[in-house]
Amino acid sequence: MPETSPLKSKGAVVLITGGSGFLGAALVRELLKESHESPIRAKDIRLFDIRPPDHIHDGRVQYISGDIRSLEALKKACRDVDIVFHAGALIDWGQRPRTLLYDVNVNGTNRVIAAAKASRVKALVYTSTMDVLYAGRPIINGDERAPLPKRYTMAYAETKALAEWAVLAANAPVHDTSGQKKTGSLRTCAIRPCGMFGEGDPYHVSSFLRMAQKGRLSFRIGNGKALFQHVYVGNVAHAHLLAAKSLLEQGGIAAGRVYFITDFEAKNFFDYLEPIISGIGYSMPPKGRSLPMPLVYAIAWIVDWTSKISRPLFRFYPQLNRTSVAMVSRDLTFTGERARAELGYRPLYTEEEAIARTIEYFKSHGPV
């Protein structure tokens, strides 16, 4: 059995890039639990982000303003840090230039790695995505053995895959200039969440809720048979902590590994969101009110090109785009068996709890 890290008893210094974001907030909630309830005991939590978090109610949490493209800012933030959760990224489904996505997601990740190595950080857990396997075709029970696509249909998936590769390649002992191995080494792994939902979800729940509030949530897409793998953000955060715990253990198995994180049974995208939107107080379109995927895709194509050609004059980010239409209309399911077997991962929150917590948040706060 692997030995437990001494950091469990004395507490770790944790840095979360993208700490003010959706997953960052969930990581903070899990880290602030009583020590016996959390795989990692944190004595100091640093949130590194370009914008401050909405609320900080605990003295252990410190906000650091910074951009992951700045190596110097990252080096300062990484000073005396034990664990880095690298959740900072630019998430996009076709509205922003590839050069910007590459600069933030790939170059930014390389600078996070460099800063972690320079500061002798012990563990780095990278937040990847299920999208690294997506190349425009359905995926059924995808797992970590599947090769990454040779060509991608969207820059976001491509840049996240390149960043994931860099993180896994960094899982090696740190050497000094003479080539001698130092006693410390950076151990890394990657977490691939499926489509996350939960408190503060700025993507799926907020987008649908905003449309419902404006009376624009009037139809579903496709025949209703396609399955989409959602996962609750609290369970994803818990998986990150389990991965960090493994990296800190002597001989922990997570080093150099990648893990899909799932929790509940895959459902049709609209069926999954229906109890959430209904619980908040709005109605989802009935199943009989659906438009064929090819028709909606053609409309999205026009909207995408209108957005693109208008950029010299003004920018707008349409909620309907080709990538989102394709992804909710095709099977995208995954298995999280490796995380269960190797990390001991089990969903910390039931489906009922996850939905109830999400509804409660959006009733109080509205869309993000």
Protein backbone atom coordinates (compact mmCIF):
# COMPACT_ATOMS: atom_id res chain seq x y z
CA MET A 1 0.00 0.00 0.00
CA PRO A 2 1.32 3.51 -0.80
CA GLU A 3 2.35 5.63 2.11
CA THR A 4 0.21 8.62 2.98
CA SER A 5 1.83 11.99 2.30
CA PRO A 6 2.86 13.95 5.39
CA LEU A 7 1.03 16.90 3.82
CA LYS A 8 -2.23 15.24 4.83
CA SER A 9 -1.44 15.92 8.46
CA LYS A 10 0.30 19.30 8.28
CA GLY A 11 -1.66 20.74 5.36
CA ALA A 12 -0.67 21.68 1.82
CA VAL A 13 -0.21 25.00 0.09
CA VAL A 14 -2.46 24.86 -2.98
CA LEU A 15 -2.53 27.05 -6.09
CA ILE A 16 -5.56 26.98 -8.40
CA THR A 17 -5.15 28.65 -11.78
CA GLY A 18 -8.52 29.80 -13.02
CA GLY A 19 -9.42 29.81 -9.35
CA SER A 20 -12.28 32.28 -9.76
CA GLY A 21 -14.01 30.13 -12.37
CA PHE A 22 -16.64 27.42 -12.36
CA LEU A 23 -14.41 24.49 -11.42
CA GLY A 24 -12.12 26.69 -9.32
CA ALA A 25 -15.01 27.56 -7.00
CA ALA A 26 -15.91 23.88 -6.64
CA LEU A 27 -12.28 23.00 -5.83
CA VAL A 28 -12.29 25.64 -3.09
CA ARG A 29 -15.51 24.23 -1.62
CA GLU A 30 -14.01 20.74 -1.46
CA LEU A 31 -10.68 21.92 -0.06
CA LEU A 32 -12.35 23.88 2.73
CA LYS A 33 -14.15 20.84 4.10
CA GLU A 34 -13.05 19.32 7.38
CA SER A 35 -9.79 17.43 6.96
CA HIS A 36 -11.40 14.02 7.51
CA GLU A 37 -13.87 14.72 4.67
CA SER A 38 -11.30 15.75 2.06
CA PRO A 39 -8.48 13.74 0.43
CA ILE A 40 -6.28 16.85 0.69
CA ARG A 41 -5.94 19.10 3.73
CA ALA A 42 -5.15 22.66 2.63
CA LYS A 43 -3.62 25.19 4.96
CA ASP A 44 -3.32 27.86 2.26
CA ILE A 45 -5.35 28.17 -0.96
CA ARG A 46 -4.22 30.63 -3.63
CA LEU A 47 -6.59 31.58 -6.44
CA PHE A 48 -4.71 32.78 -9.54
CA ASP A 49 -7.00 34.42 -12.08
CA ILE A 50 -7.46 37.52 -14.23
CA ARG A 51 -10.61 38.37 -12.27
CA PRO A 52 -11.35 38.14 -8.55
CA PRO A 53 -13.71 35.51 -7.16
CA ASP A 54 -17.22 36.53 -6.23
CA HIS A 55 -16.79 35.75 -2.54
CA ILE A 56 -13.98 34.68 -0.22
CA HIS A 57 -15.21 33.77 3.24
CA ASP A 58 -12.22 31.90 4.65
CA GLY A 59 -8.87 33.22 5.80
CA ARG A 60 -7.06 30.35 4.11
CA VAL A 61 -8.11 31.61 0.67
CA GLN A 62 -6.04 34.31 -1.04
CA TYR A 63 -6.73 35.88 -4.44
CA ILE A 64 -3.75 36.61 -6.72
CA SER A 65 -4.42 38.66 -9.83
CA GLY A 66 -2.53 37.28 -12.79
CA ASP A 67 -2.56 35.84 -16.29
CA ILE A 68 -1.24 32.32 -17.00
CA ARG A 69 0.64 33.78 -19.96
CA SER A 70 2.91 35.64 -17.52
CA LEU A 71 5.75 33.42 -16.33
CA GLU A 72 6.93 35.91 -13.73
CA ALA A 73 3.48 36.23 -12.18
CA LEU A 74 3.18 32.44 -12.07
CA LYS A 75 6.59 32.03 -10.44
CA LYS A 76 5.56 34.40 -7.67
CA ALA A 77 2.27 32.59 -7.20
CA CYS A 78 4.00 29.18 -7.12
CA ARG A 79 6.44 30.13 -4.38
CA ASP A 80 6.29 27.52 -1.57
CA VAL A 81 3.33 25.77 -3.25
CA ASP A 82 2.89 22.01 -2.86
CA ILE A 83 0.04 21.35 -5.35
CA VAL A 84 -1.06 23.18 -8.49
CA PHE A 85 -4.52 22.58 -9.89
CA HIS A 86 -4.26 24.03 -13.39
CA ALA A 87 -7.86 24.80 -14.33
CA GLY A 88 -7.19 28.09 -16.10
CA ALA A 89 -8.08 28.01 -19.81
CA LEU A 90 -9.96 29.80 -22.55
CA ILE A 91 -13.08 27.76 -23.34
CA ASP A 92 -14.50 28.37 -26.77
CA TRP A 93 -16.62 26.62 -29.40
CA GLY A 94 -15.62 28.54 -32.49
CA GLN A 95 -15.96 32.25 -31.74
CA ARG A 96 -12.37 33.20 -30.88
CA PRO A 97 -9.19 33.08 -33.01
CA ARG A 98 -7.05 29.94 -32.85
CA THR A 99 -3.98 32.11 -32.12
CA LEU A 100 -5.58 33.37 -28.90
CA LEU A 101 -6.65 29.86 -27.84
CA TYR A 102 -3.14 28.56 -28.52
CA ASP A 103 -1.55 31.39 -26.57
CA VAL A 104 -3.72 30.88 -23.49
CA ASN A 105 -4.25 27.12 -23.47
CA VAL A 106 -0.90 25.87 -24.78
CA ASN A 107 1.62 28.60 -24.07
CA GLY A 108 -0.08 29.38 -20.76
CA THR A 109 0.11 25.74 -19.71
CA ASN A 110 3.79 25.54 -20.63
CA ARG A 111 4.43 28.54 -18.40
CA VAL A 112 2.46 26.97 -15.55
CA ILE A 113 4.70 23.89 -15.89
CA ALA A 114 7.86 26.01 -16.00
CA ALA A 115 6.83 27.98 -12.91
CA ALA A 116 5.93 24.80 -11.05
CA LYS A 117 9.30 23.25 -11.84
CA ALA A 118 11.18 26.41 -10.88
CA SER A 119 9.39 26.48 -7.52
CA ARG A 120 9.84 22.75 -6.86
CA VAL A 121 6.08 22.12 -6.76
CA LYS A 122 5.38 18.48 -5.88
CA ALA A 123 2.17 17.82 -7.84
CA LEU A 124 0.34 19.33 -10.80
CA VAL A 125 -3.18 18.21 -11.73
CA TYR A 126 -4.31 19.50 -15.12
CA THR A 127 -7.96 20.01 -16.02
CA SER A 128 -8.33 18.64 -19.53
CA THR A 129 -11.66 17.85 -21.20
CA MET A 130 -13.58 15.07 -22.91
CA ASP A 131 -13.34 17.23 -26.03
CA VAL A 132 -9.75 16.09 -26.65
CA LEU A 133 -11.25 12.92 -28.18
CA TYR A 134 -13.83 14.76 -30.27
CA ALA A 135 -13.22 15.16 -34.00
CA GLY A 136 -16.77 15.52 -35.26
CA ARG A 137 -17.86 11.89 -34.93
CA PRO A 138 -19.93 10.16 -32.24
CA ILE A 139 -18.08 8.61 -29.29
CA ILE A 140 -19.59 5.67 -27.41
CA ASN A 141 -18.02 4.59 -24.10
CA GLY A 142 -14.80 6.42 -24.87
CA ASP A 143 -11.91 5.72 -22.52
CA GLU A 144 -8.28 6.62 -21.93
CA ARG A 145 -6.97 3.97 -24.34
CA ALA A 146 -8.47 5.74 -27.36
CA PRO A 147 -5.86 7.63 -29.43
CA LEU A 148 -6.22 11.36 -29.82
CA PRO A 149 -7.50 12.49 -33.23
CA LYS A 150 -4.98 13.44 -35.91
CA ARG A 151 -7.14 16.36 -36.95
CA TYR A 152 -9.63 18.39 -34.93
CA THR A 153 -12.78 20.23 -35.94
CA MET A 154 -12.32 22.97 -33.32
CA ALA A 155 -9.30 24.83 -32.00
CA TYR A 156 -10.41 24.48 -28.38
CA ALA A 157 -10.15 20.68 -28.43
CA GLU A 158 -6.84 20.81 -30.29
CA THR A 159 -5.22 23.29 -27.90
CA LYS A 160 -6.46 21.41 -24.84
CA ALA A 161 -4.97 18.19 -26.25
CA LEU A 162 -1.62 19.89 -26.86
CA ALA A 163 -1.65 21.29 -23.33
CA GLU A 164 -2.54 17.87 -21.90
CA TRP A 165 0.40 16.31 -23.75
CA ALA A 166 2.75 18.95 -22.32
CA VAL A 167 1.54 18.29 -18.77
CA LEU A 168 1.97 14.52 -19.06
CA ALA A 169 5.40 14.95 -20.67
CA ALA A 170 6.44 17.09 -17.69
CA ASN A 171 5.96 14.14 -15.33
CA ALA A 172 9.67 13.64 -14.78
CA PRO A 173 12.29 14.43 -12.13
CA VAL A 174 13.60 17.99 -12.13
CA HIS A 175 17.32 18.24 -12.99
CA ASP A 176 19.78 21.00 -12.32
CA THR A 177 22.12 22.45 -14.97
CA SER A 178 24.76 19.77 -14.36
CA GLY A 179 22.27 17.02 -15.15
CA GLN A 180 22.09 15.75 -11.57
CA LYS A 181 18.67 14.68 -10.37
CA LYS A 182 17.33 16.78 -7.56
CA THR A 183 15.57 15.21 -4.62
CA GLY A 184 12.28 16.81 -5.61
CA SER A 185 10.33 16.15 -8.80
CA LEU A 186 7.15 17.37 -10.40
CA ARG A 187 4.51 14.67 -10.70
CA THR A 188 1.66 15.35 -13.06
CA CYS A 189 -1.61 13.90 -14.31
CA ALA A 190 -4.64 15.05 -16.30
CA ILE A 191 -8.34 14.94 -15.51
CA ARG A 192 -10.82 14.81 -18.40
CA PRO A 193 -14.24 15.88 -17.14
CA CYS A 194 -17.29 15.31 -19.29
CA GLY A 195 -19.84 18.10 -19.78
CA MET A 196 -19.82 19.77 -16.37
CA PHE A 197 -22.88 21.27 -14.72
CA GLY A 198 -23.51 22.61 -11.23
CA GLU A 199 -23.46 25.80 -9.19
CA GLY A 200 -22.24 28.70 -11.31
CA ASP A 201 -22.22 26.73 -14.58
CA PRO A 202 -21.62 29.48 -17.18
CA TYR A 203 -22.07 27.19 -20.16
CA HIS A 204 -24.89 24.63 -20.29
CA VAL A 205 -27.23 25.74 -17.50
CA SER A 206 -26.65 29.49 -17.86
CA SER A 207 -27.09 29.39 -21.65
CA PHE A 208 -30.35 27.47 -21.47
CA LEU A 209 -31.65 29.52 -18.56
CA ARG A 210 -30.88 32.78 -20.35
CA MET A 211 -32.77 31.57 -23.43
CA ALA A 212 -35.69 30.47 -21.26
CA GLN A 213 -35.85 33.87 -19.56
CA LYS A 214 -35.97 35.60 -22.96
CA GLY A 215 -38.58 33.20 -24.30
CA ARG A 216 -36.18 31.78 -26.87
CA LEU A 217 -36.03 28.21 -25.60
CA SER A 218 -38.63 27.04 -28.08
CA PHE A 219 -37.37 23.76 -29.59
CA ARG A 220 -35.09 20.77 -29.11
CA ILE A 221 -32.53 19.54 -31.60
CA GLY A 222 -32.46 16.10 -33.16
CA ASN A 223 -34.53 12.99 -32.58
CA GLY A 224 -33.87 12.82 -28.83
CA LYS A 225 -31.90 9.55 -29.05
CA ALA A 226 -28.36 10.93 -28.81
CA LEU A 227 -26.74 10.49 -25.39
CA PHE A 228 -24.48 13.08 -23.77
CA GLN A 229 -22.27 12.48 -20.72
CA HIS A 230 -22.73 15.18 -18.11
CA VAL A 231 -20.89 15.24 -14.77
CA TYR A 232 -21.48 17.30 -11.63
CA VAL A 233 -18.74 19.84 -10.94
CA GLY A 234 -18.48 18.83 -7.26
CA ASN A 235 -17.66 15.26 -8.28
CA VAL A 236 -15.06 16.55 -10.75
CA ALA A 237 -13.46 18.63 -7.99
CA HIS A 238 -13.39 15.57 -5.72
CA ALA A 239 -11.64 13.60 -8.47
CA HIS A 240 -8.99 16.33 -8.75
CA LEU A 241 -8.26 16.02 -5.04
CA LEU A 242 -7.99 12.23 -5.26
CA ALA A 243 -5.56 12.60 -8.15
CA ALA A 244 -3.44 15.10 -6.18
CA LYS A 245 -3.42 12.74 -3.19
CA SER A 246 -2.13 9.93 -5.42
CA LEU A 247 0.59 12.17 -6.88
CA LEU A 248 1.80 13.04 -3.39
CA GLU A 249 1.92 9.43 -2.21
CA GLN A 250 5.07 7.38 -2.47
CA GLY A 251 4.58 5.34 -5.63
CA GLY A 252 1.15 6.85 -6.30
CA ILE A 253 -0.27 5.46 -9.52
CA ALA A 254 -1.66 8.70 -10.96
CA ALA A 255 1.73 10.08 -12.08
CA GLY A 256 1.76 10.45 -15.86
CA ARG A 257 -1.82 9.21 -16.20
CA VAL A 258 -5.03 10.65 -17.61
CA TYR A 259 -8.55 10.04 -16.25
CA PHE A 260 -12.05 10.53 -17.62
CA ILE A 261 -14.45 11.55 -14.87
CA THR A 262 -18.10 10.52 -15.05
CA ASP A 263 -20.78 10.05 -12.42
CA PHE A 264 -24.34 9.35 -13.55
CA GLU A 265 -25.93 7.60 -16.49
CA ALA A 266 -25.64 9.41 -19.82
CA LYS A 267 -28.88 10.96 -21.09
CA ASN A 268 -30.06 13.04 -23.98
CA PHE A 269 -28.71 16.57 -23.55
CA PHE A 270 -32.20 18.10 -23.30
CA ASP A 271 -33.55 15.38 -21.01
CA TYR A 272 -30.65 15.93 -18.63
CA LEU A 273 -31.19 19.66 -18.34
CA GLU A 274 -34.98 19.45 -18.15
CA PRO A 275 -35.30 18.85 -14.36
CA ILE A 276 -32.81 21.66 -13.70
CA ILE A 277 -34.50 24.26 -15.88
CA SER A 278 -37.94 23.16 -14.64
CA GLY A 279 -36.75 23.24 -11.03
CA ILE A 280 -35.58 26.83 -11.46
CA GLY A 281 -39.05 27.73 -12.66
CA TYR A 282 -38.99 27.62 -16.46
CA SER A 283 -40.19 25.12 -19.04
CA MET A 284 -38.18 23.05 -21.47
CA PRO A 285 -39.68 22.51 -24.93
CA PRO A 286 -41.71 19.28 -25.04
CA LYS A 287 -40.08 16.30 -26.73
CA GLY A 288 -42.43 16.58 -29.67
CA ARG A 289 -41.23 20.09 -30.47
CA SER A 290 -37.92 19.29 -32.13
CA LEU A 291 -36.12 20.42 -35.28
CA PRO A 292 -33.97 18.08 -37.40
CA MET A 293 -30.27 18.35 -36.71
CA PRO A 294 -29.30 19.11 -40.37
CA LEU A 295 -31.70 22.07 -40.46
CA VAL A 296 -30.43 23.57 -37.19
CA TYR A 297 -26.82 22.92 -38.27
CA ALA A 298 -27.44 24.86 -41.49
CA ILE A 299 -28.88 27.77 -39.49
CA ALA A 300 -25.88 27.63 -37.13
CA TRP A 301 -23.53 27.70 -40.14
CA ILE A 302 -25.13 30.95 -41.31
CA VAL A 303 -24.93 32.43 -37.80
CA ASP A 304 -21.26 31.40 -37.45
CA TRP A 305 -20.29 33.01 -40.75
CA THR A 306 -22.27 36.15 -39.98
CA SER A 307 -20.37 36.40 -36.69
CA LYS A 308 -17.06 35.87 -38.48
CA ILE A 309 -17.49 38.42 -41.27
CA SER A 310 -18.86 41.05 -38.88
CA ARG A 311 -15.79 40.98 -36.61
CA PRO A 312 -14.02 43.95 -38.23
CA LEU A 313 -17.04 46.09 -37.31
CA PHE A 314 -18.36 44.51 -34.13
CA ARG A 315 -18.26 41.25 -32.21
CA PHE A 316 -21.11 39.06 -31.08
CA TYR A 317 -20.98 35.56 -29.69
CA PRO A 318 -23.98 33.51 -30.84
CA GLN A 319 -25.36 30.88 -28.51
CA LEU A 320 -26.20 28.71 -31.51
CA ASN A 321 -23.12 27.46 -33.37
CA ARG A 322 -22.17 24.44 -35.46
CA THR A 323 -20.05 22.78 -32.79
CA SER A 324 -22.70 22.93 -30.08
CA VAL A 325 -25.41 21.71 -32.47
CA ALA A 326 -23.27 18.75 -33.53
CA MET A 327 -22.26 17.81 -29.99
CA VAL A 328 -25.80 17.73 -28.57
CA SER A 329 -27.04 15.70 -31.55
CA ARG A 330 -24.49 12.89 -31.50
CA ASP A 331 -23.66 10.21 -28.95
CA LEU A 332 -20.85 11.38 -26.66
CA THR A 333 -20.48 8.89 -23.83
CA PHE A 334 -17.45 7.89 -21.78
CA THR A 335 -16.44 5.47 -19.07
CA GLY A 336 -14.69 6.51 -15.87
CA GLU A 337 -13.57 3.03 -14.82
CA ARG A 338 -9.86 3.89 -14.67
CA ALA A 339 -10.49 6.64 -12.11
CA ARG A 340 -12.61 4.24 -10.07
CA ALA A 341 -9.97 1.50 -10.16
CA GLU A 342 -6.84 3.58 -9.70
CA LEU A 343 -7.93 6.61 -7.67
CA GLY A 344 -10.75 5.01 -5.71
CA TYR A 345 -13.06 7.61 -7.21
CA ARG A 346 -16.76 7.36 -6.51
CA PRO A 347 -19.25 10.20 -7.03
CA LEU A 348 -19.28 12.19 -3.81
CA TYR A 349 -22.68 13.66 -4.63
CA THR A 350 -25.73 11.75 -5.85
CA GLU A 351 -27.61 12.83 -8.95
CA GLU A 352 -30.46 14.13 -6.78
CA GLU A 353 -28.06 16.18 -4.64
CA ALA A 354 -26.27 17.56 -7.70
CA ILE A 355 -29.50 18.69 -9.35
CA ALA A 356 -30.87 20.17 -6.11
CA ARG A 357 -27.67 22.14 -5.44
CA THR A 358 -27.66 23.44 -9.01
CA ILE A 359 -31.30 24.53 -8.83
CA GLU A 360 -30.77 26.26 -5.48
CA TYR A 361 -27.82 28.24 -6.83
CA PHE A 362 -29.54 29.45 -9.99
CA LYS A 363 -32.75 30.34 -8.17
CA SER A 364 -30.68 32.69 -6.01
CA HIS A 365 -28.16 34.00 -8.53
CA GLY A 366 -29.64 33.62 -12.02
CA PRO A 367 -27.49 32.82 -15.06
CA VAL A 368 -23.77 33.56 -14.93
